[in-house]
Protein backbone atom coordinates (compact mmCIF):
# COMPACT_ATOMS: atom_id res chain seq x y z
CA UNK A 1 19.73 -3.76 19.57
CA UNK A 2 17.77 -3.44 16.33
CA UNK A 3 14.15 -4.17 15.59
CA UNK A 4 13.82 -7.46 13.69
CA UNK A 5 10.71 -7.60 11.45
CA UNK A 6 10.81 -11.40 11.20
CA UNK A 7 10.54 -12.00 14.95
CA UNK A 8 8.85 -8.76 15.98
CA UNK A 9 11.48 -8.34 18.71
CA UNK A 10 14.62 -6.34 19.37
CA UNK A 11 17.65 -8.31 18.25
CA UNK A 12 21.39 -7.90 18.71
CA UNK A 13 23.01 -7.88 15.23
CA UNK A 14 26.17 -9.47 16.63
CA UNK A 15 25.10 -12.33 18.92
CA UNK A 16 21.46 -12.78 17.91
CA UNK A 17 20.11 -12.25 21.44
CA UNK A 18 16.49 -11.02 21.41
CA UNK A 19 14.38 -8.97 23.80
CA UNK A 20 10.70 -8.01 23.74
CA UNK A 21 9.93 -4.79 21.88
CA UNK A 22 8.09 -1.99 23.70
CA UNK A 23 4.31 -2.30 23.56
CA UNK A 24 1.51 0.19 24.11
CA UNK A 25 0.04 0.14 27.61
CA UNK A 26 -2.54 2.85 26.90
CA UNK A 27 -4.04 4.67 23.89
CA UNK A 28 -1.61 7.08 22.26
CA UNK A 29 -3.07 10.53 22.96
CA UNK A 30 -3.08 13.34 20.37
CA UNK A 31 -1.75 16.86 21.00
CA UNK A 32 -3.55 20.23 20.78
CA UNK A 33 -2.75 21.68 17.37
CA UNK A 34 -2.79 25.39 18.23
CA UNK A 35 -0.33 24.99 21.08
CA UNK A 36 2.07 22.99 18.92
CA UNK A 37 1.93 25.55 16.10
CA UNK A 38 2.88 28.29 18.56
CA UNK A 39 5.82 26.33 20.05
CA UNK A 40 9.21 25.69 18.48
CA UNK A 41 10.24 22.05 17.83
CA UNK A 42 12.71 20.91 20.50
CA UNK A 43 12.92 17.13 20.20
CA UNK A 44 14.99 14.69 18.15
CA UNK A 45 14.33 11.14 17.03
CA UNK A 46 16.98 10.03 19.53
CA UNK A 47 19.94 11.48 21.37
CA UNK A 48 22.40 9.81 18.97
CA UNK A 49 20.53 10.50 15.74
CA UNK A 50 22.50 11.93 12.80
CA UNK A 51 21.07 13.67 9.78
CA UNK A 52 22.13 14.14 6.16
CA UNK A 53 20.51 15.81 3.17
CA UNK A 54 20.71 14.17 -0.24
CA UNK A 55 22.19 16.50 -2.85
CA UNK A 56 20.33 14.60 -5.55
CA UNK A 57 16.67 14.74 -4.45
CA UNK A 58 16.82 16.94 -1.34
CA UNK A 59 15.46 14.36 1.11
CA UNK A 60 16.57 14.77 4.72
CA UNK A 61 17.39 11.34 6.18
CA UNK A 62 17.96 10.57 9.85
CA UNK A 63 19.77 7.49 11.13
CA UNK A 64 21.45 6.12 14.24
CA UNK A 65 25.06 4.92 14.46
CA UNK A 66 26.49 2.44 13.65
CA UNK A 67 24.22 2.85 10.61
CA UNK A 68 25.89 5.01 7.95
CA UNK A 69 24.45 7.43 5.45
CA UNK A 70 25.54 5.36 2.42
CA UNK A 71 23.22 6.04 -0.50
CA UNK A 72 19.96 7.92 -0.59
CA UNK A 73 17.12 5.39 -0.28
CA UNK A 74 14.87 7.58 -2.44
CA UNK A 75 17.01 8.16 -5.52
CA UNK A 76 20.04 5.87 -5.13
CA UNK A 77 22.54 8.75 -5.23
CA UNK A 78 25.65 8.44 -3.03
CA UNK A 79 25.39 10.76 -0.04
CA UNK A 80 28.59 12.75 0.25
CA UNK A 81 27.48 15.29 2.85
CA UNK A 82 29.02 15.05 6.32
CA UNK A 83 26.43 13.78 8.85
CA UNK A 84 25.46 16.24 11.56
CA UNK A 85 23.38 16.09 14.71
CA UNK A 86 19.71 15.84 13.81
CA UNK A 87 17.83 19.13 13.87
CA UNK A 88 15.01 19.51 16.41
CA UNK A 89 11.57 18.46 15.24
CA UNK A 90 8.14 17.69 16.63
CA UNK A 91 8.73 14.32 18.26
CA UNK A 92 6.97 11.27 16.81
CA UNK A 93 4.05 10.02 18.87
CA UNK A 94 3.71 6.57 17.42
CA UNK A 95 5.36 4.12 15.07
CA UNK A 96 4.05 1.26 12.97
CA UNK A 97 6.90 -1.23 13.12
CA UNK A 98 8.31 -3.20 10.18
CA UNK A 99 6.49 -6.48 9.61
CA UNK A 100 7.81 -7.55 6.20
CA UNK A 101 11.46 -8.72 6.21
CA UNK A 102 13.80 -7.29 3.59
CA UNK A 103 14.02 -10.54 1.61
CA UNK A 104 10.24 -10.74 1.29
CA UNK A 105 10.07 -7.09 0.24
CA UNK A 106 12.67 -7.73 -2.46
CA UNK A 107 10.60 -10.67 -3.74
CA UNK A 108 7.57 -8.36 -3.96
CA UNK A 109 9.64 -5.92 -6.01
CA UNK A 110 10.83 -8.68 -8.37
CA UNK A 111 7.25 -9.90 -8.97
CA UNK A 112 6.07 -6.32 -9.46
CA UNK A 113 8.71 -5.64 -12.09
CA UNK A 114 7.94 -8.89 -13.91
CA UNK A 115 4.20 -8.20 -14.06
CA UNK A 116 4.28 -4.72 -15.62
CA UNK A 117 2.29 -4.59 -18.83
CA UNK A 118 3.94 -2.79 -21.74
CA UNK A 119 7.30 -2.89 -19.95
CA UNK A 120 10.35 -3.61 -22.09
CA UNK A 121 11.03 -7.36 -22.39
CA UNK A 122 14.56 -6.82 -21.13
CA UNK A 123 13.26 -5.37 -17.86
CA UNK A 124 13.04 -8.76 -16.16
CA UNK A 125 16.68 -9.57 -16.74
CA UNK A 126 18.28 -6.13 -16.95
CA UNK A 127 16.50 -4.15 -14.21
CA UNK A 128 18.34 -4.48 -10.96
CA UNK A 129 18.07 -2.61 -7.65
CA UNK A 130 20.77 -0.03 -7.12
CA UNK A 131 22.42 -1.31 -3.93
CA UNK A 132 19.18 -3.00 -2.85
CA UNK A 133 16.29 -1.54 -0.95
CA UNK A 134 16.44 0.27 2.38
CA UNK A 135 14.10 0.26 5.33
CA UNK A 136 12.83 3.78 5.99
CA UNK A 137 10.23 5.24 8.33
CA UNK A 138 8.18 7.87 6.51
CA UNK A 139 6.62 10.73 8.52
CA UNK A 140 2.89 11.42 8.43
CA UNK A 141 0.59 13.88 10.17
CA UNK A 142 -2.81 12.70 11.39
CA UNK A 143 -5.41 15.27 12.46
CA UNK A 144 -8.76 15.33 14.24
CA UNK A 145 -10.95 18.40 14.49
CA UNK A 146 -14.51 19.59 15.11
CA UNK A 147 -15.92 21.46 12.12
CA UNK A 148 -18.81 23.92 11.90
CA UNK A 149 -19.76 24.85 8.34
CA UNK A 150 -22.23 27.45 7.07
CA UNK A 151 -23.32 26.90 3.49
CA UNK A 152 -25.36 28.46 0.70
CA UNK A 153 -26.66 26.64 -2.34
CA UNK A 154 -29.72 25.34 -4.17
CA UNK A 155 -31.97 22.32 -3.86
CA UNK A 156 -33.21 20.74 -7.08
CA UNK A 157 -36.53 18.90 -7.19
CA UNK A 158 -37.44 16.89 -10.26
CA UNK A 159 -40.83 16.94 -11.98
CA UNK A 160 -41.95 15.29 -15.20
CA UNK A 161 -43.89 16.62 -18.15
CA UNK A 162 -45.62 14.49 -20.77
CA UNK A 163 -44.52 15.41 -24.28
CA UNK A 164 -45.96 14.25 -27.60
CA UNK A 165 -43.84 13.47 -30.64
CA UNK A 166 -43.93 11.66 -33.96
CA UNK A 167 -41.46 9.09 -35.29
CA UNK A 168 -41.26 6.49 -38.01
CA UNK A 169 -41.54 2.80 -37.21
CA UNK A 170 -39.60 0.01 -38.91
CA UNK A 171 -42.10 -0.06 -41.81
CA UNK A 172 -41.71 3.66 -42.48
CA UNK A 173 -45.09 4.62 -40.99
CA UNK A 174 -45.43 7.79 -38.88
CA UNK A 175 -46.38 6.90 -35.30
CA UNK A 176 -47.62 9.37 -32.67
CA UNK A 177 -46.06 8.72 -29.26
CA UNK A 178 -45.70 10.29 -25.79
CA UNK A 179 -42.82 10.37 -23.31
CA UNK A 180 -42.00 11.63 -19.83
CA UNK A 181 -39.38 14.38 -19.81
CA UNK A 182 -37.58 15.30 -16.60
CA UNK A 183 -37.30 18.93 -15.52
CA UNK A 184 -35.92 20.45 -12.34
CA UNK A 185 -37.11 23.27 -10.12
CA UNK A 186 -34.34 24.95 -8.13
CA UNK A 187 -34.90 26.53 -4.71
CA UNK A 188 -32.45 28.51 -2.55
CA UNK A 189 -30.97 26.55 0.36
CA UNK A 190 -28.73 27.54 3.25
CA UNK A 191 -27.89 26.13 6.63
CA UNK A 192 -25.17 24.79 8.91
CA UNK A 193 -23.59 21.38 9.47
CA UNK A 194 -21.22 20.24 12.20
CA UNK A 195 -19.03 17.17 12.31
CA UNK A 196 -16.03 15.67 14.06
CA UNK A 197 -13.72 14.65 11.22
CA UNK A 198 -10.26 13.21 10.77
CA UNK A 199 -7.85 14.08 8.01
CA UNK A 200 -4.61 12.47 6.95
CA UNK A 201 -2.66 11.78 3.81
CA UNK A 202 -1.17 8.30 3.94
CA UNK A 203 -0.30 8.13 0.22
CA UNK A 204 -0.60 5.46 -2.45
CA UNK A 205 0.66 2.69 -0.16
CA UNK A 206 -2.57 2.59 1.86
CA UNK A 207 -4.10 0.86 3.70
CA UNK A 208 -2.15 1.10 6.95
CA UNK A 209 -3.23 -0.95 9.98
CA UNK A 210 -3.10 2.01 12.37
CA UNK A 211 -4.71 -0.05 15.13
CA UNK A 212 -1.25 -1.63 15.55
CA UNK A 213 0.55 1.67 16.26
CA UNK A 214 3.01 1.61 19.16
CA UNK A 215 4.35 4.50 21.25
CA UNK A 216 7.53 5.77 19.62
CA UNK A 217 10.79 4.44 21.01
CA UNK A 218 14.25 5.28 19.60
CA UNK A 219 14.98 1.53 19.62
CA UNK A 220 12.71 1.11 16.60
CA UNK A 221 14.97 3.41 14.57
CA UNK A 222 18.07 1.26 15.09
CA UNK A 223 18.90 -0.54 11.87
CA UNK A 224 16.62 1.68 9.78
CA UNK A 225 16.56 5.22 8.48
CA UNK A 226 13.85 7.81 8.95
CA UNK A 227 12.88 10.59 6.62
CA UNK A 228 12.59 13.95 8.34
CA UNK A 229 9.26 15.58 7.61
CA UNK A 230 9.52 18.24 4.92
CA UNK A 231 5.89 19.35 5.17
CA UNK A 232 5.52 21.16 8.48
CA UNK A 233 2.63 20.78 10.92
CA UNK A 234 0.70 23.79 9.62
CA UNK A 235 1.19 22.83 5.98
CA UNK A 236 0.01 19.32 6.76
CA UNK A 237 -3.18 20.67 8.34
CA UNK A 238 -3.85 22.78 5.24
CA UNK A 239 -3.64 19.63 3.13
CA UNK A 240 -5.79 17.70 5.60
CA UNK A 241 -8.50 20.36 5.23
CA UNK A 242 -8.81 19.39 1.58
CA UNK A 243 -9.39 15.78 2.65
CA UNK A 244 -11.96 16.90 5.23
CA UNK A 245 -13.68 19.19 2.71
CA UNK A 246 -14.92 16.19 0.73
CA UNK A 247 -16.68 14.81 3.81
CA UNK A 248 -18.10 18.25 4.66
CA UNK A 249 -19.51 18.61 1.13
CA UNK A 250 -21.23 15.25 1.52
CA UNK A 251 -22.80 16.48 4.76
CA UNK A 252 -23.89 19.71 3.09
CA UNK A 253 -25.45 17.86 0.14
CA UNK A 254 -27.34 15.60 2.53
CA UNK A 255 -28.57 18.62 4.51
CA UNK A 256 -29.77 20.41 1.37
CA UNK A 257 -31.76 17.35 0.33
CA UNK A 258 -33.89 17.16 -2.78
CA UNK A 259 -33.05 15.26 -5.94
CA UNK A 260 -30.01 17.37 -6.88
CA UNK A 261 -27.84 19.87 -5.06
CA UNK A 262 -25.78 22.86 -6.06
CA UNK A 263 -23.25 24.02 -3.45
CA UNK A 264 -22.28 27.64 -4.05
CA UNK A 265 -20.36 28.49 -0.89
CA UNK A 266 -19.13 26.71 2.24
CA UNK A 267 -17.42 28.51 5.13
CA UNK A 268 -15.87 26.19 7.73
CA UNK A 269 -14.52 26.90 11.21
CA UNK A 270 -12.26 24.42 12.99
CA UNK A 271 -12.15 23.84 16.76
CA UNK A 272 -10.57 21.41 19.23
CA UNK A 273 -8.01 20.43 16.58
CA UNK A 274 -5.46 17.79 17.56
CA UNK A 275 -2.70 15.91 15.77
CA UNK A 276 -0.31 12.99 15.98
CA UNK A 277 3.07 12.58 14.29
CA UNK A 278 3.33 9.04 12.93
CA UNK A 279 6.21 7.04 11.47
CA UNK A 280 5.13 4.38 8.97
CA UNK A 281 7.47 1.70 7.56
CA UNK A 282 8.42 1.27 3.92
CA UNK A 283 11.15 -0.46 1.98
CA UNK A 284 12.29 2.08 -0.61
CA UNK A 285 14.81 2.00 -3.37
CA UNK A 286 15.64 2.83 -6.94
CA UNK A 287 16.36 0.63 -9.92
CA UNK A 288 18.17 1.56 -13.07
CA UNK A 289 16.96 0.73 -16.57
CA UNK A 290 18.75 2.22 -19.52
CA UNK A 291 19.98 5.65 -18.53
CA UNK A 292 17.14 6.41 -16.12
CA UNK A 293 16.57 5.72 -12.43
CA UNK A 294 13.08 4.67 -11.33
CA UNK A 295 11.83 4.88 -7.74
CA UNK A 296 9.70 2.36 -5.89
CA UNK A 297 8.37 1.72 -2.39
CA UNK A 298 6.98 -1.33 -0.61
CA UNK A 299 4.49 -1.13 2.25
CA UNK A 300 6.45 -2.93 5.00
CA UNK A 301 3.19 -4.16 6.55
CA UNK A 302 1.29 -5.51 3.54
CA UNK A 303 3.91 -5.94 0.80
CA UNK A 304 2.03 -3.65 -1.61
CA UNK A 305 4.40 -2.11 -4.19
CA UNK A 306 4.08 1.34 -5.72
CA UNK A 307 6.59 2.89 -8.06
CA UNK A 308 7.73 4.18 -11.43
CA UNK A 309 8.29 1.94 -14.43
CA UNK A 310 9.51 2.25 -18.04
CA UNK A 311 7.22 1.69 -21.02
CA UNK A 312 8.05 -0.09 -24.25
CA UNK A 313 7.17 2.10 -27.22
CA UNK A 314 7.48 -0.92 -29.50
CA UNK A 315 4.95 -2.99 -27.50
CA UNK A 316 2.44 -0.13 -27.35
CA UNK A 317 2.82 0.51 -31.10
CA UNK A 318 2.34 -3.20 -31.81
CA UNK A 319 -0.90 -3.27 -29.79
CA UNK A 320 -2.21 -0.22 -31.65
CA UNK A 321 -1.47 -1.92 -34.99
CA UNK A 322 -3.25 -5.11 -33.90
CA UNK A 323 -6.34 -3.13 -32.85
CA UNK A 324 -6.36 -1.17 -36.11
CA UNK A 325 -5.99 -4.39 -38.11
CA UNK A 326 -8.93 -5.96 -36.24
CA UNK A 327 -11.12 -2.90 -36.85
CA UNK A 328 -10.20 -2.94 -40.56
CA UNK A 329 -11.05 -6.64 -40.79
CA UNK A 330 -14.47 -6.05 -39.20
CA UNK A 331 -15.16 -3.20 -41.63
CA UNK A 332 -14.19 -5.32 -44.65
CA UNK A 333 -16.35 -8.24 -43.54
CA UNK A 334 -19.27 -5.92 -42.88
CA UNK A 335 -18.89 -4.47 -46.37
CA UNK A 336 -19.05 -7.93 -47.98
CA UNK A 337 -22.31 -8.68 -46.18
């Protein structure tokens, strides 16, 4: 049986019989990060899963029979490699199931293409999806950790000085005036901040309604493809640290206080780090315009579209000429007055 986004149930593609999809009976727990980094991946998306690697863009795609490799959902290239048993990986913990049917996703793509400013006029009629769009689960890492940060910086406190100056008024008379000028005293600051933070990188298709995550079941993969993660667990945590660093800097600035802050150094230690491996649903595809292939993706929960698009040099040049003509007209009228 395959998961049917329209009904939210498992559905037989041959007779149409439906069955309830698995649901979460308890919160989906995270895993200790250090232990997972020390262990070798030993799981697969399912016992029957096959895997191919696109020779065009390098994406590793996993699917379940009777699904076939076909074309790469990310670049539209035909996949000619022989499928093989999926390599072991860190098993997914949770999945956000498809909510937007394929037909609705395709309508979102059509509207998106038609609404692009500065796109060639022929795009509406000439752009066409290469073999349609494909449903793909994209892999994401989600992390939680306790942070303890020692910092060194400066606290700036404003003070104001009254200054005197002369200027000419509208009649050409010299007028003596005063004004308040801001200055800043800087004082050394150091200290420590601690926080429990979460870090993830869920890309341009955010937001994702993660409250609706379900425990992973191979049944959700049937009828769809899944991209194998190409950023490993440790690399993902390194990227997540950059996301967390912004929150830590906010905490440090608040701890320094004053009117302004200068942060010179922050040293952070991480403890009790955990992670979850998530699969999030997108409709992905490529469309061809001219001699180029453009990629796009649709959030299969919200319908939001993100992708590449061509630009019309002629339209952009025409707008520039119109603006220049308007500026010239304003200058000429101002000169007459």
